[in-house]
PDB file of all heavy atoms in Angstrom:
ATOM      1  N   TRP A   1     -13.834 -42.506  -9.227  1.00  0.00           N
ATOM      2  CA  TRP A   1     -14.465 -42.134  -7.973  1.00  0.00           C
ATOM      3  C   TRP A   1     -15.854 -41.580  -8.230  1.00  0.00           C
ATOM      4  O   TRP A   1     -16.120 -41.021  -9.290  1.00  0.00           O
ATOM      5  CB  TRP A   1     -13.674 -41.033  -7.269  1.00  0.00           C
ATOM      6  CG  TRP A   1     -12.332 -41.434  -6.757  1.00  0.00           C
ATOM      7  CD1 TRP A   1     -11.937 -42.671  -6.362  1.00  0.00           C
ATOM      8  CD2 TRP A   1     -11.216 -40.571  -6.571  1.00  0.00           C
ATOM      9  NE1 TRP A   1     -10.633 -42.626  -5.937  1.00  0.00           N
ATOM     10  CE2 TRP A   1     -10.165 -41.355  -6.049  1.00  0.00           C
ATOM     11  CE3 TRP A   1     -10.997 -39.215  -6.784  1.00  0.00           C
ATOM     12  CZ2 TRP A   1      -8.918 -40.823  -5.737  1.00  0.00           C
ATOM     13  CZ3 TRP A   1      -9.755 -38.686  -6.478  1.00  0.00           C
ATOM     14  CH2 TRP A   1      -8.736 -39.486  -5.961  1.00  0.00           C
ATOM     15  N   ASP A   2     -16.706 -41.674  -7.213  1.00  0.00           N
ATOM     16  CA  ASP A   2     -17.927 -40.889  -7.260  1.00  0.00           C
ATOM     17  C   ASP A   2     -17.612 -39.559  -6.564  1.00  0.00           C
ATOM     18  O   ASP A   2     -16.485 -39.333  -6.097  1.00  0.00           O
ATOM     19  CB  ASP A   2     -19.109 -41.634  -6.628  1.00  0.00           C
ATOM     20  CG  ASP A   2     -18.934 -41.956  -5.151  1.00  0.00           C
ATOM     21  OD1 ASP A   2     -18.083 -41.346  -4.476  1.00  0.00           O
ATOM     22  OD2 ASP A   2     -19.673 -42.830  -4.659  1.00  0.00           O
ATOM     23  N   THR A   3     -18.580 -38.673  -6.508  1.00  0.00           N
ATOM     24  CA  THR A   3     -18.323 -37.340  -5.957  1.00  0.00           C
ATOM     25  C   THR A   3     -17.933 -37.407  -4.482  1.00  0.00           C
ATOM     26  O   THR A   3     -17.071 -36.653  -4.030  1.00  0.00           O
ATOM     27  CB  THR A   3     -19.543 -36.424  -6.176  1.00  0.00           C
ATOM     28  OG1 THR A   3     -19.808 -36.363  -7.585  1.00  0.00           O
ATOM     29  CG2 THR A   3     -19.284 -35.022  -5.664  1.00  0.00           C
ATOM     30  N   LYS A   4     -18.524 -38.314  -3.722  1.00  0.00           N
ATOM     31  CA  LYS A   4     -18.159 -38.440  -2.313  1.00  0.00           C
ATOM     32  C   LYS A   4     -16.700 -38.885  -2.162  1.00  0.00           C
ATOM     33  O   LYS A   4     -15.971 -38.360  -1.322  1.00  0.00           O
ATOM     34  CB  LYS A   4     -19.090 -39.405  -1.577  1.00  0.00           C
ATOM     35  CG  LYS A   4     -18.756 -39.463  -0.086  1.00  0.00           C
ATOM     36  CD  LYS A   4     -19.633 -40.392   0.686  1.00  0.00           C
ATOM     37  CE  LYS A   4     -19.330 -40.433   2.161  1.00  0.00           C
ATOM     38  NZ  LYS A   4     -17.939 -40.341   2.557  1.00  0.00           N
ATOM     39  N   ASP A   5     -16.267 -39.850  -2.972  1.00  0.00           N
ATOM     40  CA  ASP A   5     -14.865 -40.279  -2.942  1.00  0.00           C
ATOM     41  C   ASP A   5     -13.942 -39.110  -3.270  1.00  0.00           C
ATOM     42  O   ASP A   5     -12.890 -38.932  -2.650  1.00  0.00           O
ATOM     43  CB  ASP A   5     -14.608 -41.403  -3.951  1.00  0.00           C
ATOM     44  CG  ASP A   5     -15.330 -42.694  -3.625  1.00  0.00           C
ATOM     45  OD1 ASP A   5     -15.604 -42.956  -2.435  1.00  0.00           O
ATOM     46  OD2 ASP A   5     -15.629 -43.441  -4.581  1.00  0.00           O
ATOM     47  N   PHE A   6     -14.325 -38.320  -4.262  1.00  0.00           N
ATOM     48  CA  PHE A   6     -13.542 -37.162  -4.676  1.00  0.00           C
ATOM     49  C   PHE A   6     -13.459 -36.159  -3.525  1.00  0.00           C
ATOM     50  O   PHE A   6     -12.382 -35.656  -3.197  1.00  0.00           O
ATOM     51  CB  PHE A   6     -14.180 -36.540  -5.923  1.00  0.00           C
ATOM     52  CG  PHE A   6     -13.364 -35.493  -6.607  1.00  0.00           C
ATOM     53  CD1 PHE A   6     -12.012 -35.644  -6.831  1.00  0.00           C
ATOM     54  CD2 PHE A   6     -13.977 -34.332  -7.076  1.00  0.00           C
ATOM     55  CE1 PHE A   6     -11.264 -34.669  -7.490  1.00  0.00           C
ATOM     56  CE2 PHE A   6     -13.250 -33.354  -7.736  1.00  0.00           C
ATOM     57  CZ  PHE A   6     -11.888 -33.518  -7.942  1.00  0.00           C
ATOM     58  N   LYS A   7     -14.582 -35.896  -2.881  1.00  0.00           N
ATOM     59  CA  LYS A   7     -14.611 -34.989  -1.737  1.00  0.00           C
ATOM     60  C   LYS A   7     -13.729 -35.514  -0.612  1.00  0.00           C
ATOM     61  O   LYS A   7     -12.947 -34.763  -0.025  1.00  0.00           O
ATOM     62  CB  LYS A   7     -16.044 -34.799  -1.247  1.00  0.00           C
ATOM     63  CG  LYS A   7     -16.172 -33.922  -0.016  1.00  0.00           C
ATOM     64  CD  LYS A   7     -17.597 -33.978   0.529  1.00  0.00           C
ATOM     65  CE  LYS A   7     -17.713 -33.405   1.910  1.00  0.00           C
ATOM     66  NZ  LYS A   7     -16.947 -34.133   2.923  1.00  0.00           N
ATOM     67  N   ASP A   8     -13.837 -36.801  -0.308  1.00  0.00           N
ATOM     68  CA  ASP A   8     -13.035 -37.390   0.762  1.00  0.00           C
ATOM     69  C   ASP A   8     -11.542 -37.269   0.465  1.00  0.00           C
ATOM     70  O   ASP A   8     -10.739 -36.990   1.359  1.00  0.00           O
ATOM     71  CB  ASP A   8     -13.409 -38.859   0.977  1.00  0.00           C
ATOM     72  CG  ASP A   8     -14.807 -39.040   1.561  1.00  0.00           C
ATOM     73  OD1 ASP A   8     -15.391 -38.040   2.065  1.00  0.00           O
ATOM     74  OD2 ASP A   8     -15.309 -40.176   1.516  1.00  0.00           O
ATOM     75  N   TRP A   9     -11.154 -37.476  -0.792  1.00  0.00           N
ATOM     76  CA  TRP A   9      -9.749 -37.349  -1.181  1.00  0.00           C
ATOM     77  C   TRP A   9      -9.279 -35.904  -1.012  1.00  0.00           C
ATOM     78  O   TRP A   9      -8.188 -35.661  -0.491  1.00  0.00           O
ATOM     79  CB  TRP A   9      -9.550 -37.834  -2.617  1.00  0.00           C
ATOM     80  CG  TRP A   9      -8.117 -37.819  -3.044  1.00  0.00           C
ATOM     81  CD1 TRP A   9      -7.179 -38.780  -2.789  1.00  0.00           C
ATOM     82  CD2 TRP A   9      -7.457 -36.789  -3.776  1.00  0.00           C
ATOM     83  NE1 TRP A   9      -5.972 -38.400  -3.331  1.00  0.00           N
ATOM     84  CE2 TRP A   9      -6.121 -37.181  -3.939  1.00  0.00           C
ATOM     85  CE3 TRP A   9      -7.872 -35.566  -4.314  1.00  0.00           C
ATOM     86  CZ2 TRP A   9      -5.179 -36.409  -4.615  1.00  0.00           C
ATOM     87  CZ3 TRP A   9      -6.941 -34.797  -4.980  1.00  0.00           C
ATOM     88  CH2 TRP A   9      -5.617 -35.209  -5.134  1.00  0.00           C
ATOM     89  N   ILE A  10     -10.101 -34.946  -1.424  1.00  0.00           N
ATOM     90  CA  ILE A  10      -9.747 -33.538  -1.256  1.00  0.00           C
ATOM     91  C   ILE A  10      -9.643 -33.201   0.225  1.00  0.00           C
ATOM     92  O   ILE A  10      -8.704 -32.513   0.654  1.00  0.00           O
ATOM     93  CB  ILE A  10     -10.748 -32.622  -1.994  1.00  0.00           C
ATOM     94  CG1 ILE A  10     -10.541 -32.754  -3.504  1.00  0.00           C
ATOM     95  CG2 ILE A  10     -10.615 -31.168  -1.539  1.00  0.00           C
ATOM     96  CD1 ILE A  10     -11.564 -32.047  -4.355  1.00  0.00           C
ATOM     97  N   ASP A  11     -10.582 -33.702   1.040  1.00  0.00           N
ATOM     98  CA  ASP A  11     -10.512 -33.484   2.493  1.00  0.00           C
ATOM     99  C   ASP A  11      -9.192 -33.995   3.057  1.00  0.00           C
ATOM    100  O   ASP A  11      -8.560 -33.333   3.889  1.00  0.00           O
ATOM    101  CB  ASP A  11     -11.673 -34.184   3.207  1.00  0.00           C
ATOM    102  CG  ASP A  11     -13.011 -33.502   3.004  1.00  0.00           C
ATOM    103  OD1 ASP A  11     -13.042 -32.317   2.598  1.00  0.00           O
ATOM    104  OD2 ASP A  11     -14.040 -34.169   3.250  1.00  0.00           O
ATOM    105  N   LYS A  12      -8.772 -35.153   2.607  1.00  0.00           N
ATOM    106  CA  LYS A  12      -7.509 -35.733   3.086  1.00  0.00           C
ATOM    107  C   LYS A  12      -6.327 -34.842   2.718  1.00  0.00           C
ATOM    108  O   LYS A  12      -5.435 -34.619   3.536  1.00  0.00           O
ATOM    109  CB  LYS A  12      -7.332 -37.138   2.498  1.00  0.00           C
ATOM    110  CG  LYS A  12      -6.088 -37.840   2.961  1.00  0.00           C
ATOM    111  CD  LYS A  12      -5.995 -39.229   2.361  1.00  0.00           C
ATOM    112  CE  LYS A  12      -4.696 -39.894   2.747  1.00  0.00           C
ATOM    113  NZ  LYS A  12      -4.518 -41.197   2.101  1.00  0.00           N
ATOM    114  N   GLN A  13      -6.330 -34.307   1.503  1.00  0.00           N
ATOM    115  CA  GLN A  13      -5.240 -33.417   1.086  1.00  0.00           C
ATOM    116  C   GLN A  13      -5.246 -32.149   1.942  1.00  0.00           C
ATOM    117  O   GLN A  13      -4.193 -31.648   2.336  1.00  0.00           O
ATOM    118  CB  GLN A  13      -5.354 -33.062  -0.398  1.00  0.00           C
ATOM    119  CG  GLN A  13      -5.357 -34.246  -1.339  1.00  0.00           C
ATOM    120  CD  GLN A  13      -4.262 -35.246  -1.066  1.00  0.00           C
ATOM    121  OE1 GLN A  13      -3.080 -34.906  -1.041  1.00  0.00           O
ATOM    122  NE2 GLN A  13      -4.646 -36.491  -0.850  1.00  0.00           N
ATOM    123  N   GLU A  14      -6.437 -31.636   2.229  1.00  0.00           N
ATOM    124  CA  GLU A  14      -6.542 -30.434   3.062  1.00  0.00           C
ATOM    125  C   GLU A  14      -6.046 -30.695   4.472  1.00  0.00           C
ATOM    126  O   GLU A  14      -5.374 -29.846   5.061  1.00  0.00           O
ATOM    127  CB  GLU A  14      -7.984 -29.928   3.090  1.00  0.00           C
ATOM    128  CG  GLU A  14      -8.402 -29.294   1.794  1.00  0.00           C
ATOM    129  CD  GLU A  14      -9.838 -28.798   1.801  1.00  0.00           C
ATOM    130  OE1 GLU A  14     -10.637 -29.238   2.662  1.00  0.00           O
ATOM    131  OE2 GLU A  14     -10.154 -27.968   0.933  1.00  0.00           O
ATOM    132  N   MET A  15      -6.365 -31.873   5.029  1.00  0.00           N
ATOM    133  CA  MET A  15      -5.894 -32.207   6.375  1.00  0.00           C
ATOM    134  C   MET A  15      -4.367 -32.261   6.412  1.00  0.00           C
ATOM    135  O   MET A  15      -3.756 -31.972   7.435  1.00  0.00           O
ATOM    136  CB  MET A  15      -6.489 -33.529   6.856  1.00  0.00           C
ATOM    137  CG  MET A  15      -7.949 -33.406   7.242  1.00  0.00           C
ATOM    138  SD  MET A  15      -8.631 -34.864   8.076  1.00  0.00           S
ATOM    139  CE  MET A  15      -8.368 -36.153   6.897  1.00  0.00           C
ATOM    140  N   GLN A  16      -3.761 -32.631   5.287  1.00  0.00           N
ATOM    141  CA  GLN A  16      -2.305 -32.688   5.202  1.00  0.00           C
ATOM    142  C   GLN A  16      -1.715 -31.359   4.722  1.00  0.00           C
ATOM    143  O   GLN A  16      -0.526 -31.274   4.455  1.00  0.00           O
ATOM    144  CB  GLN A  16      -1.884 -33.824   4.262  1.00  0.00           C
ATOM    145  CG  GLN A  16      -2.291 -35.190   4.750  1.00  0.00           C
ATOM    146  CD  GLN A  16      -2.007 -36.288   3.736  1.00  0.00           C
ATOM    147  OE1 GLN A  16      -1.518 -36.054   2.637  1.00  0.00           O
ATOM    148  NE2 GLN A  16      -2.331 -37.515   4.110  1.00  0.00           N
ATOM    149  N   SER A  17      -2.586 -30.344   4.612  1.00  0.00           N
ATOM    150  CA  SER A  17      -2.171 -29.007   4.144  1.00  0.00           C
ATOM    151  C   SER A  17      -1.437 -29.072   2.809  1.00  0.00           C
ATOM    152  O   SER A  17      -0.428 -28.407   2.610  1.00  0.00           O
ATOM    153  CB  SER A  17      -1.303 -28.315   5.193  1.00  0.00           C
ATOM    154  OG  SER A  17      -2.012 -28.143   6.382  1.00  0.00           O
ATOM    155  N   ARG A  18      -1.964 -29.867   1.903  1.00  0.00           N
ATOM    156  CA  ARG A  18      -1.344 -30.008   0.589  1.00  0.00           C
ATOM    157  C   ARG A  18      -2.158 -29.275  -0.462  1.00  0.00           C
ATOM    158  O   ARG A  18      -3.379 -29.362  -0.483  1.00  0.00           O
ATOM    159  CB  ARG A  18      -1.266 -31.473   0.195  1.00  0.00           C
ATOM    160  CG  ARG A  18      -0.356 -32.283   1.105  1.00  0.00           C
ATOM    161  CD  ARG A  18      -0.215 -33.656   0.591  1.00  0.00           C
ATOM    162  NE  ARG A  18       0.791 -33.648  -0.460  1.00  0.00           N
ATOM    163  CZ  ARG A  18       1.328 -34.742  -0.933  1.00  0.00           C
ATOM    164  NH1 ARG A  18       0.969 -35.902  -0.482  1.00  0.00           N
ATOM    165  NH2 ARG A  18       2.224 -34.676  -1.884  1.00  0.00           N
ATOM    166  N   SER A  19      -1.454 -28.593  -1.337  1.00  0.00           N
ATOM    167  CA  SER A  19      -2.081 -28.055  -2.531  1.00  0.00           C
ATOM    168  C   SER A  19      -2.321 -29.223  -3.488  1.00  0.00           C
ATOM    169  O   SER A  19      -1.660 -30.254  -3.392  1.00  0.00           O
ATOM    170  CB  SER A  19      -1.174 -27.027  -3.194  1.00  0.00           C
ATOM    171  OG  SER A  19      -0.965 -25.936  -2.349  1.00  0.00           O
ATOM    172  N   ILE A  20      -3.254 -29.030  -4.399  1.00  0.00           N
ATOM    173  CA  ILE A  20      -3.550 -30.066  -5.396  1.00  0.00           C
ATOM    174  C   ILE A  20      -3.367 -29.470  -6.779  1.00  0.00           C
ATOM    175  O   ILE A  20      -3.812 -28.353  -7.051  1.00  0.00           O
ATOM    176  CB  ILE A  20      -4.995 -30.584  -5.256  1.00  0.00           C
ATOM    177  CG1 ILE A  20      -5.254 -31.126  -3.852  1.00  0.00           C
ATOM    178  CG2 ILE A  20      -5.275 -31.662  -6.309  1.00  0.00           C
ATOM    179  CD1 ILE A  20      -6.716 -31.445  -3.578  1.00  0.00           C
ATOM    180  N   CYS A  21      -2.728 -30.224  -7.646  1.00  0.00           N
ATOM    181  CA  CYS A  21      -2.551 -29.816  -9.038  1.00  0.00           C
ATOM    182  C   CYS A  21      -3.102 -30.916  -9.938  1.00  0.00           C
ATOM    183  O   CYS A  21      -2.594 -32.036  -9.952  1.00  0.00           O
ATOM    184  CB  CYS A  21      -1.068 -29.564  -9.332  1.00  0.00           C
ATOM    185  SG  CYS A  21      -0.779 -28.891 -10.980  1.00  0.00           S
ATOM    186  N   PHE A  22      -4.179 -30.595 -10.653  1.00  0.00           N
ATOM    187  CA  PHE A  22      -4.802 -31.522 -11.589  1.00  0.00           C
ATOM    188  C   PHE A  22      -4.171 -31.320 -12.958  1.00  0.00           C
ATOM    189  O   PHE A  22      -3.943 -30.178 -13.379  1.00  0.00           O
ATOM    190  CB  PHE A  22      -6.302 -31.241 -11.697  1.00  0.00           C
ATOM    191  CG  PHE A  22      -7.033 -31.388 -10.395  1.00  0.00           C
ATOM    192  CD1 PHE A  22      -7.228 -30.293  -9.568  1.00  0.00           C
ATOM    193  CD2 PHE A  22      -7.515 -32.622  -9.996  1.00  0.00           C
ATOM    194  CE1 PHE A  22      -7.911 -30.422  -8.366  1.00  0.00           C
ATOM    195  CE2 PHE A  22      -8.190 -32.763  -8.792  1.00  0.00           C
ATOM    196  CZ  PHE A  22      -8.387 -31.661  -7.973  1.00  0.00           C
ATOM    197  N   VAL A  23      -3.905 -32.411 -13.664  1.00  0.00           N
ATOM    198  CA  VAL A  23      -3.300 -32.313 -14.997  1.00  0.00           C
ATOM    199  C   VAL A  23      -4.158 -33.093 -15.983  1.00  0.00           C
ATOM    200  O   VAL A  23      -4.429 -34.281 -15.792  1.00  0.00           O
ATOM    201  CB  VAL A  23      -1.854 -32.868 -15.011  1.00  0.00           C
ATOM    202  CG1 VAL A  23      -1.242 -32.741 -16.404  1.00  0.00           C
ATOM    203  CG2 VAL A  23      -0.993 -32.151 -13.971  1.00  0.00           C
ATOM    204  N   ILE A  24      -4.596 -32.386 -17.025  1.00  0.00           N
ATOM    205  CA  ILE A  24      -5.314 -33.004 -18.145  1.00  0.00           C
ATOM    206  C   ILE A  24      -4.357 -32.955 -19.326  1.00  0.00           C
ATOM    207  O   ILE A  24      -4.019 -31.882 -19.814  1.00  0.00           O
ATOM    208  CB  ILE A  24      -6.619 -32.253 -18.469  1.00  0.00           C
ATOM    209  CG1 ILE A  24      -7.553 -32.269 -17.257  1.00  0.00           C
ATOM    210  CG2 ILE A  24      -7.295 -32.874 -19.698  1.00  0.00           C
ATOM    211  CD1 ILE A  24      -8.799 -31.426 -17.432  1.00  0.00           C
ATOM    212  N   GLY A  25      -3.901 -34.120 -19.753  1.00  0.00           N
ATOM    213  CA  GLY A  25      -2.894 -34.194 -20.809  1.00  0.00           C
ATOM    214  C   GLY A  25      -3.487 -34.169 -22.201  1.00  0.00           C
ATOM    215  O   GLY A  25      -4.640 -33.803 -22.406  1.00  0.00           O
ATOM    216  N   GLU A  26      -2.668 -34.597 -23.136  1.00  0.00           N
ATOM    217  CA  GLU A  26      -3.100 -34.626 -24.531  1.00  0.00           C
ATOM    218  C   GLU A  26      -4.142 -35.725 -24.757  1.00  0.00           C
ATOM    219  O   GLU A  26      -4.357 -36.585 -23.904  1.00  0.00           O
ATOM    220  CB  GLU A  26      -1.894 -34.857 -25.436  1.00  0.00           C
ATOM    221  CG  GLU A  26      -0.899 -33.700 -25.383  1.00  0.00           C
ATOM    222  CD  GLU A  26       0.237 -33.904 -26.349  1.00  0.00           C
ATOM    223  OE1 GLU A  26      -0.030 -33.837 -27.565  1.00  0.00           O
ATOM    224  OE2 GLU A  26       1.359 -34.120 -25.898  1.00  0.00           O
ATOM    225  N   SER A  27      -4.737 -35.729 -25.924  1.00  0.00           N
ATOM    226  CA  SER A  27      -5.840 -36.649 -26.216  1.00  0.00           C
ATOM    227  C   SER A  27      -5.447 -38.118 -26.186  1.00  0.00           C
ATOM    228  O   SER A  27      -6.300 -38.976 -25.989  1.00  0.00           O
ATOM    229  CB  SER A  27      -6.468 -36.300 -27.570  1.00  0.00           C
ATOM    230  OG  SER A  27      -5.502 -36.418 -28.589  1.00  0.00           O
ATOM    231  N   HIS A  28      -4.177 -38.425 -26.331  1.00  0.00           N
ATOM    232  CA  HIS A  28      -3.757 -39.831 -26.323  1.00  0.00           C
ATOM    233  C   HIS A  28      -3.295 -40.284 -24.944  1.00  0.00           C
ATOM    234  O   HIS A  28      -2.740 -41.366 -24.801  1.00  0.00           O
ATOM    235  CB  HIS A  28      -2.663 -40.067 -27.362  1.00  0.00           C
ATOM    236  CG  HIS A  28      -3.146 -39.824 -28.762  1.00  0.00           C
ATOM    237  ND1 HIS A  28      -4.030 -40.668 -29.393  1.00  0.00           N
ATOM    238  CD2 HIS A  28      -2.906 -38.827 -29.625  1.00  0.00           C
ATOM    239  CE1 HIS A  28      -4.301 -40.207 -30.594  1.00  0.00           C
ATOM    240  NE2 HIS A  28      -3.642 -39.085 -30.767  1.00  0.00           N
ATOM    241  N   GLY A  29      -3.537 -39.461 -23.951  1.00  0.00           N
ATOM    242  CA  GLY A  29      -3.191 -39.845 -22.585  1.00  0.00           C
ATOM    243  C   GLY A  29      -1.737 -39.579 -22.248  1.00  0.00           C
ATOM    244  O   GLY A  29      -1.029 -38.865 -22.954  1.00  0.00           O
ATOM    245  N   PHE A  30      -1.311 -40.167 -21.151  1.00  0.00           N
ATOM    246  CA  PHE A  30       0.035 -39.955 -20.634  1.00  0.00           C
ATOM    247  C   PHE A  30       0.902 -41.167 -20.929  1.00  0.00           C
ATOM    248  O   PHE A  30       0.426 -42.306 -20.922  1.00  0.00           O
ATOM    249  CB  PHE A  30      -0.010 -39.737 -19.117  1.00  0.00           C
ATOM    250  CG  PHE A  30      -0.785 -38.524 -18.704  1.00  0.00           C
ATOM    251  CD1 PHE A  30      -2.080 -38.647 -18.222  1.00  0.00           C
ATOM    252  CD2 PHE A  30      -0.223 -37.259 -18.793  1.00  0.00           C
ATOM    253  CE1 PHE A  30      -2.801 -37.537 -17.836  1.00  0.00           C
ATOM    254  CE2 PHE A  30      -0.936 -36.137 -18.405  1.00  0.00           C
ATOM    255  CZ  PHE A  30      -2.230 -36.276 -17.926  1.00  0.00           C
TER     256      PHE A  30
END
C-alpha cells in the first residue's frame, strides 16, 4: 500500500470499531 491506502484501511477499521494488531514476525517470515 501507499500511505493513503494505509490510512483508508485504518479508517475502515475505525468505522467498524475494530482494534488493530500489527505483527512483525521472525526474519524468515511467517
